[in-house]
Amino acid sequence: MRESNGKNKRLGGSQFDDWNNRLSDLIASALPIDKAQFLEGATAAAYGMIEINPADPIEAMIAGQLIVANEAALTMYRRAWAQPSEYFEARRKYLALADKAARTVVLLSERLDQHRTRGQQQIVVKHVTVNAENAMVAENITPGAAASQSPIVALAAASPEKSMPLLCDAIRNEPVGVGVPAK
């Protein structure tokens, strides 16, 4: 076993560069591109992997599949629109494949997010206050987030001279026509 140096950890999420390089090679070879575009595509995929910044090998595998699925979806969309209009069935099949690959991209993105957050959910508490003039004030409170000034405090500080009319009163005061419209 070779020594680990983790020099290419940003490509494969591991301290072992044998893994990182192997995953990078597999991703590059799985891209739906021709040989003329291989170097450009492999370089772009590697930069995408670096931007995703996998923290461990699991994230790297999900990110690699995400990159390849995205490339496949976009390739299928391009092929669908390149079909002549008389080949409707071929266009339809390419679009169906592209949609399937795009759904895979969404699923992999969600899984990557779940893995990164370790399944923790963010709880949002909504406080609703109704004052005497029936004006409703809602405030979202997210645990751990700092707020400069509460909207409730800002509303209480600004005391309007006349309260806003209720929507139901404004609707009741307008005449409503019934029957045949006027000519």
C-alpha atoms as a PDB file:
ATOM      1  CA  MET A   1       0.000   0.000   0.000  1.00  0.00           C
ATOM      2  CA  ARG A   2       1.306   3.397  -0.964  1.00  0.00           C
ATOM      3  CA  GLU A   3       1.485   6.294   1.431  1.00  0.00           C
ATOM      4  CA  SER A   4      -1.440   8.637   1.471  1.00  0.00           C
ATOM      5  CA  ASN A   5      -0.750  12.281   0.868  1.00  0.00           C
ATOM      6  CA  GLY A   6      -4.237  13.570   0.031  1.00  0.00           C
ATOM      7  CA  LYS A   7      -2.807  15.953  -2.562  1.00  0.00           C
ATOM      8  CA  ASN A   8      -5.859  15.366  -4.808  1.00  0.00           C
ATOM      9  CA  LYS A   9      -8.447  15.211  -2.010  1.00  0.00           C
ATOM     10  CA  ARG A  10     -10.491  17.891  -3.754  1.00  0.00           C
ATOM     11  CA  LEU A  11     -11.082  15.452  -6.623  1.00  0.00           C
ATOM     12  CA  GLY A  12     -12.127  12.373  -4.662  1.00  0.00           C
ATOM     13  CA  GLY A  13     -12.649  13.336  -1.022  1.00  0.00           C
ATOM     14  CA  SER A  14     -10.077  10.830   0.257  1.00  0.00           C
ATOM     15  CA  GLN A  15      -6.666  11.055   1.882  1.00  0.00           C
ATOM     16  CA  PHE A  16      -5.564   8.360  -0.590  1.00  0.00           C
ATOM     17  CA  ASP A  17      -4.659   9.732  -3.991  1.00  0.00           C
ATOM     18  CA  ASP A  18      -5.008   6.324  -5.639  1.00  0.00           C
ATOM     19  CA  TRP A  19      -8.753   6.578  -4.904  1.00  0.00           C
ATOM     20  CA  ASN A  20      -8.953  10.263  -5.880  1.00  0.00           C
ATOM     21  CA  ASN A  21      -7.192   9.715  -9.203  1.00  0.00           C
ATOM     22  CA  ARG A  22      -9.211   6.572  -9.996  1.00  0.00           C
ATOM     23  CA  LEU A  23     -12.524   8.318  -9.336  1.00  0.00           C
ATOM     24  CA  SER A  24     -11.432  11.292 -11.419  1.00  0.00           C
ATOM     25  CA  ASP A  25     -10.476   8.981 -14.306  1.00  0.00           C
ATOM     26  CA  LEU A  26     -13.789   7.104 -14.067  1.00  0.00           C
ATOM     27  CA  ILE A  27     -15.781  10.335 -14.144  1.00  0.00           C
ATOM     28  CA  ALA A  28     -13.868  11.605 -17.167  1.00  0.00           C
ATOM     29  CA  SER A  29     -14.335   8.336 -19.058  1.00  0.00           C
ATOM     30  CA  ALA A  30     -18.082   8.240 -18.254  1.00  0.00           C
ATOM     31  CA  LEU A  31     -18.764  11.643 -19.818  1.00  0.00           C
ATOM     32  CA  PRO A  32     -20.799  11.378 -23.044  1.00  0.00           C
ATOM     33  CA  ILE A  33     -18.220  13.195 -25.175  1.00  0.00           C
ATOM     34  CA  ASP A  34     -16.161  12.215 -28.204  1.00  0.00           C
ATOM     35  CA  LYS A  35     -12.384  11.797 -28.234  1.00  0.00           C
ATOM     36  CA  ALA A  36     -11.805  15.243 -29.736  1.00  0.00           C
ATOM     37  CA  GLN A  37     -13.445  16.878 -26.721  1.00  0.00           C
ATOM     38  CA  PHE A  38     -12.094  14.484 -24.078  1.00  0.00           C
ATOM     39  CA  LEU A  39      -9.356  16.704 -22.632  1.00  0.00           C
ATOM     40  CA  GLU A  40     -11.637  19.733 -22.451  1.00  0.00           C
ATOM     41  CA  GLY A  41     -14.482  17.694 -20.912  1.00  0.00           C
ATOM     42  CA  ALA A  42     -12.258  15.923 -18.391  1.00  0.00           C
ATOM     43  CA  THR A  43     -10.708  19.219 -17.310  1.00  0.00           C
ATOM     44  CA  ALA A  44     -14.132  20.821 -16.916  1.00  0.00           C
ATOM     45  CA  ALA A  45     -15.391  17.838 -14.894  1.00  0.00           C
ATOM     46  CA  ALA A  46     -12.331  18.033 -12.626  1.00  0.00           C
ATOM     47  CA  TYR A  47     -12.929  21.748 -12.035  1.00  0.00           C
ATOM     48  CA  GLY A  48     -16.584  21.005 -11.287  1.00  0.00           C
ATOM     49  CA  MET A  49     -15.519  18.396  -8.760  1.00  0.00           C
ATOM     50  CA  ILE A  50     -13.149  20.889  -7.124  1.00  0.00           C
ATOM     51  CA  GLU A  51     -15.977  23.437  -6.887  1.00  0.00           C
ATOM     52  CA  ILE A  52     -18.315  20.874  -5.307  1.00  0.00           C
ATOM     53  CA  ASN A  53     -15.489  20.220  -2.816  1.00  0.00           C
ATOM     54  CA  PRO A  54     -16.310  16.722  -1.551  1.00  0.00           C
ATOM     55  CA  ALA A  55     -15.504  16.246   2.132  1.00  0.00           C
ATOM     56  CA  ASP A  56     -15.305  12.439   1.941  1.00  0.00           C
ATOM     57  CA  PRO A  57     -15.380   9.635  -0.648  1.00  0.00           C
ATOM     58  CA  ILE A  58     -19.177   9.251  -0.411  1.00  0.00           C
ATOM     59  CA  GLU A  59     -19.691  12.897  -1.346  1.00  0.00           C
ATOM     60  CA  ALA A  60     -17.163  12.478  -4.144  1.00  0.00           C
ATOM     61  CA  MET A  61     -19.030   9.498  -5.604  1.00  0.00           C
ATOM     62  CA  ILE A  62     -22.361  11.333  -5.478  1.00  0.00           C
ATOM     63  CA  ALA A  63     -20.773  14.462  -6.975  1.00  0.00           C
ATOM     64  CA  GLY A  64     -19.159  12.438  -9.759  1.00  0.00           C
ATOM     65  CA  GLN A  65     -22.467  10.839 -10.684  1.00  0.00           C
ATOM     66  CA  LEU A  66     -24.087  14.260 -10.522  1.00  0.00           C
ATOM     67  CA  ILE A  67     -21.572  15.704 -12.996  1.00  0.00           C
ATOM     68  CA  VAL A  68     -21.978  12.811 -15.440  1.00  0.00           C
ATOM     69  CA  ALA A  69     -25.799  12.808 -15.180  1.00  0.00           C
ATOM     70  CA  ASN A  70     -25.916  16.550 -15.816  1.00  0.00           C
ATOM     71  CA  GLU A  71     -23.691  16.183 -18.881  1.00  0.00           C
ATOM     72  CA  ALA A  72     -25.884  13.317 -20.137  1.00  0.00           C
ATOM     73  CA  ALA A  73     -29.080  15.320 -19.654  1.00  0.00           C
ATOM     74  CA  LEU A  74     -27.744  18.307 -21.542  1.00  0.00           C
ATOM     75  CA  THR A  75     -26.389  16.074 -24.331  1.00  0.00           C
ATOM     76  CA  MET A  76     -29.783  14.387 -24.734  1.00  0.00           C
ATOM     77  CA  TYR A  77     -31.569  17.750 -24.881  1.00  0.00           C
ATOM     78  CA  ARG A  78     -29.103  18.922 -27.551  1.00  0.00           C
ATOM     79  CA  ARG A  79     -29.627  15.730 -29.569  1.00  0.00           C
ATOM     80  CA  ALA A  80     -33.406  16.037 -29.284  1.00  0.00           C
ATOM     81  CA  TRP A  81     -33.462  19.505 -30.784  1.00  0.00           C
ATOM     82  CA  ALA A  82     -30.958  18.506 -33.482  1.00  0.00           C
ATOM     83  CA  GLN A  83     -33.432  15.948 -34.876  1.00  0.00           C
ATOM     84  CA  PRO A  84     -35.297  17.010 -38.009  1.00  0.00           C
ATOM     85  CA  SER A  85     -38.957  17.776 -37.349  1.00  0.00           C
ATOM     86  CA  GLU A  86     -40.105  14.730 -39.359  1.00  0.00           C
ATOM     87  CA  TYR A  87     -38.358  12.462 -36.820  1.00  0.00           C
ATOM     88  CA  PHE A  88     -40.829  13.265 -34.084  1.00  0.00           C
ATOM     89  CA  GLU A  89     -40.519   9.861 -32.387  1.00  0.00           C
ATOM     90  CA  ALA A  90     -36.713  10.109 -32.122  1.00  0.00           C
ATOM     91  CA  ARG A  91     -37.005  13.631 -30.717  1.00  0.00           C
ATOM     92  CA  ARG A  92     -39.573  12.432 -28.183  1.00  0.00           C
ATOM     93  CA  LYS A  93     -37.313   9.582 -27.034  1.00  0.00           C
ATOM     94  CA  TYR A  94     -34.309  11.877 -26.649  1.00  0.00           C
ATOM     95  CA  LEU A  95     -36.423  14.303 -24.601  1.00  0.00           C
ATOM     96  CA  ALA A  96     -37.678  11.450 -22.402  1.00  0.00           C
ATOM     97  CA  LEU A  97     -34.090  10.331 -21.765  1.00  0.00           C
ATOM     98  CA  ALA A  98     -33.027  13.909 -21.055  1.00  0.00           C
ATOM     99  CA  ASP A  99     -35.862  14.355 -18.563  1.00  0.00           C
ATOM    100  CA  LYS A 100     -34.932  11.120 -16.828  1.00  0.00           C
ATOM    101  CA  ALA A 101     -31.296  12.220 -16.539  1.00  0.00           C
ATOM    102  CA  ALA A 102     -32.401  15.647 -15.257  1.00  0.00           C
ATOM    103  CA  ARG A 103     -34.513  13.967 -12.546  1.00  0.00           C
ATOM    104  CA  THR A 104     -31.440  11.944 -11.626  1.00  0.00           C
ATOM    105  CA  VAL A 105     -29.486  15.193 -11.244  1.00  0.00           C
ATOM    106  CA  VAL A 106     -32.135  16.523  -8.872  1.00  0.00           C
ATOM    107  CA  LEU A 107     -32.162  13.295  -6.849  1.00  0.00           C
ATOM    108  CA  LEU A 108     -28.357  13.224  -6.581  1.00  0.00           C
ATOM    109  CA  SER A 109     -28.305  16.899  -5.538  1.00  0.00           C
ATOM    110  CA  GLU A 110     -30.774  16.149  -2.753  1.00  0.00           C
ATOM    111  CA  ARG A 111     -28.756  13.136  -1.616  1.00  0.00           C
ATOM    112  CA  LEU A 112     -25.548  15.172  -1.578  1.00  0.00           C
ATOM    113  CA  ASP A 113     -27.270  17.830   0.507  1.00  0.00           C
ATOM    114  CA  GLN A 114     -28.659  15.182   2.891  1.00  0.00           C
ATOM    115  CA  HIS A 115     -25.233  13.617   3.282  1.00  0.00           C
ATOM    116  CA  ARG A 116     -23.637  16.991   3.988  1.00  0.00           C
ATOM    117  CA  THR A 117     -26.208  17.945   6.605  1.00  0.00           C
ATOM    118  CA  ARG A 118     -26.274  14.368   7.960  1.00  0.00           C
ATOM    119  CA  GLY A 119     -30.050  14.372   7.735  1.00  0.00           C
ATOM    120  CA  GLN A 120     -30.452  17.278  10.160  1.00  0.00           C
ATOM    121  CA  GLN A 121     -33.500  19.387   9.522  1.00  0.00           C
ATOM    122  CA  GLN A 122     -33.756  23.105   9.979  1.00  0.00           C
ATOM    123  CA  ILE A 123     -36.700  24.152  12.118  1.00  0.00           C
ATOM    124  CA  VAL A 124     -38.434  27.425  11.259  1.00  0.00           C
ATOM    125  CA  VAL A 125     -40.748  28.874  13.903  1.00  0.00           C
ATOM    126  CA  LYS A 126     -43.304  31.372  12.655  1.00  0.00           C
ATOM    127  CA  HIS A 127     -44.749  33.878  15.104  1.00  0.00           C
ATOM    128  CA  VAL A 128     -47.971  35.591  14.068  1.00  0.00           C
ATOM    129  CA  THR A 129     -49.307  38.606  15.948  1.00  0.00           C
ATOM    130  CA  VAL A 130     -52.678  40.261  15.299  1.00  0.00           C
ATOM    131  CA  ASN A 131     -53.058  43.749  16.806  1.00  0.00           C
ATOM    132  CA  ALA A 132     -56.211  45.745  17.605  1.00  0.00           C
ATOM    133  CA  GLU A 133     -56.577  47.143  14.061  1.00  0.00           C
ATOM    134  CA  ASN A 134     -56.529  43.576  12.664  1.00  0.00           C
ATOM    135  CA  ALA A 135     -53.139  44.092  11.022  1.00  0.00           C
ATOM    136  CA  MET A 136     -51.270  40.828  10.959  1.00  0.00           C
ATOM    137  CA  VAL A 137     -47.512  40.698  11.467  1.00  0.00           C
ATOM    138  CA  ALA A 138     -45.571  37.510  10.819  1.00  0.00           C
ATOM    139  CA  GLU A 139     -41.968  36.865  11.744  1.00  0.00           C
ATOM    140  CA  ASN A 140     -39.819  33.889  10.801  1.00  0.00           C
ATOM    141  CA  ILE A 141     -37.295  32.851  13.396  1.00  0.00           C
ATOM    142  CA  THR A 142     -34.573  30.459  12.314  1.00  0.00           C
ATOM    143  CA  PRO A 143     -32.480  29.010  15.129  1.00  0.00           C
ATOM    144  CA  GLY A 144     -28.881  30.154  14.859  1.00  0.00           C
ATOM    145  CA  ALA A 145     -29.629  33.089  12.537  1.00  0.00           C
ATOM    146  CA  ALA A 146     -28.939  36.597  13.790  1.00  0.00           C
ATOM    147  CA  ALA A 147     -31.441  39.340  13.040  1.00  0.00           C
ATOM    148  CA  SER A 148     -30.538  43.021  13.114  1.00  0.00           C
ATOM    149  CA  GLN A 149     -33.986  44.246  14.122  1.00  0.00           C
ATOM    150  CA  SER A 150     -37.206  42.360  14.471  1.00  0.00           C
ATOM    151  CA  PRO A 151     -39.952  43.380  11.998  1.00  0.00           C
ATOM    152  CA  ILE A 152     -42.403  43.425  14.915  1.00  0.00           C
ATOM    153  CA  VAL A 153     -40.267  45.993  16.729  1.00  0.00           C
ATOM    154  CA  ALA A 154     -39.992  48.084  13.544  1.00  0.00           C
ATOM    155  CA  LEU A 155     -43.775  47.986  13.054  1.00  0.00           C
ATOM    156  CA  ALA A 156     -44.451  48.979  16.650  1.00  0.00           C
ATOM    157  CA  ALA A 157     -42.017  51.908  16.372  1.00  0.00           C
ATOM    158  CA  ALA A 158     -43.818  53.327  13.318  1.00  0.00           C
ATOM    159  CA  SER A 159     -47.250  54.385  14.561  1.00  0.00           C
ATOM    160  CA  PRO A 160     -49.429  55.400  11.593  1.00  0.00           C
ATOM    161  CA  GLU A 161     -51.962  58.167  12.080  1.00  0.00           C
ATOM    162  CA  LYS A 162     -54.724  56.244  10.362  1.00  0.00           C
ATOM    163  CA  SER A 163     -54.891  52.488  10.178  1.00  0.00           C
ATOM    164  CA  MET A 164     -55.258  50.785   6.845  1.00  0.00           C
ATOM    165  CA  PRO A 165     -58.874  49.878   5.905  1.00  0.00           C
ATOM    166  CA  LEU A 166     -59.750  46.230   5.955  1.00  0.00           C
ATOM    167  CA  LEU A 167     -60.017  44.537   2.574  1.00  0.00           C
ATOM    168  CA  CYS A 168     -63.467  43.133   3.327  1.00  0.00           C
ATOM    169  CA  ASP A 169     -64.791  46.683   4.110  1.00  0.00           C
ATOM    170  CA  ALA A 170     -63.372  48.046   0.851  1.00  0.00           C
ATOM    171  CA  ILE A 171     -65.043  45.268  -1.138  1.00  0.00           C
ATOM    172  CA  ARG A 172     -68.426  45.772   0.579  1.00  0.00           C
ATOM    173  CA  ASN A 173     -68.507  49.488  -0.371  1.00  0.00           C
ATOM    174  CA  GLU A 174     -68.194  48.840  -4.131  1.00  0.00           C
ATOM    175  CA  PRO A 175     -71.413  48.292  -6.145  1.00  0.00           C
ATOM    176  CA  VAL A 176     -71.751  44.914  -7.778  1.00  0.00           C
ATOM    177  CA  GLY A 177     -73.724  44.522 -10.999  1.00  0.00           C
ATOM    178  CA  VAL A 178     -76.068  41.565 -11.332  1.00  0.00           C
ATOM    179  CA  GLY A 179     -77.675  40.351 -14.532  1.00  0.00           C
ATOM    180  CA  VAL A 180     -77.115  41.607 -18.061  1.00  0.00           C
ATOM    181  CA  PRO A 181     -74.039  43.831 -18.527  1.00  0.00           C
ATOM    182  CA  ALA A 182     -74.693  47.461 -19.447  1.00  0.00           C
ATOM    183  CA  LYS A 183     -74.154  48.430 -23.130  1.00  0.00           C
END
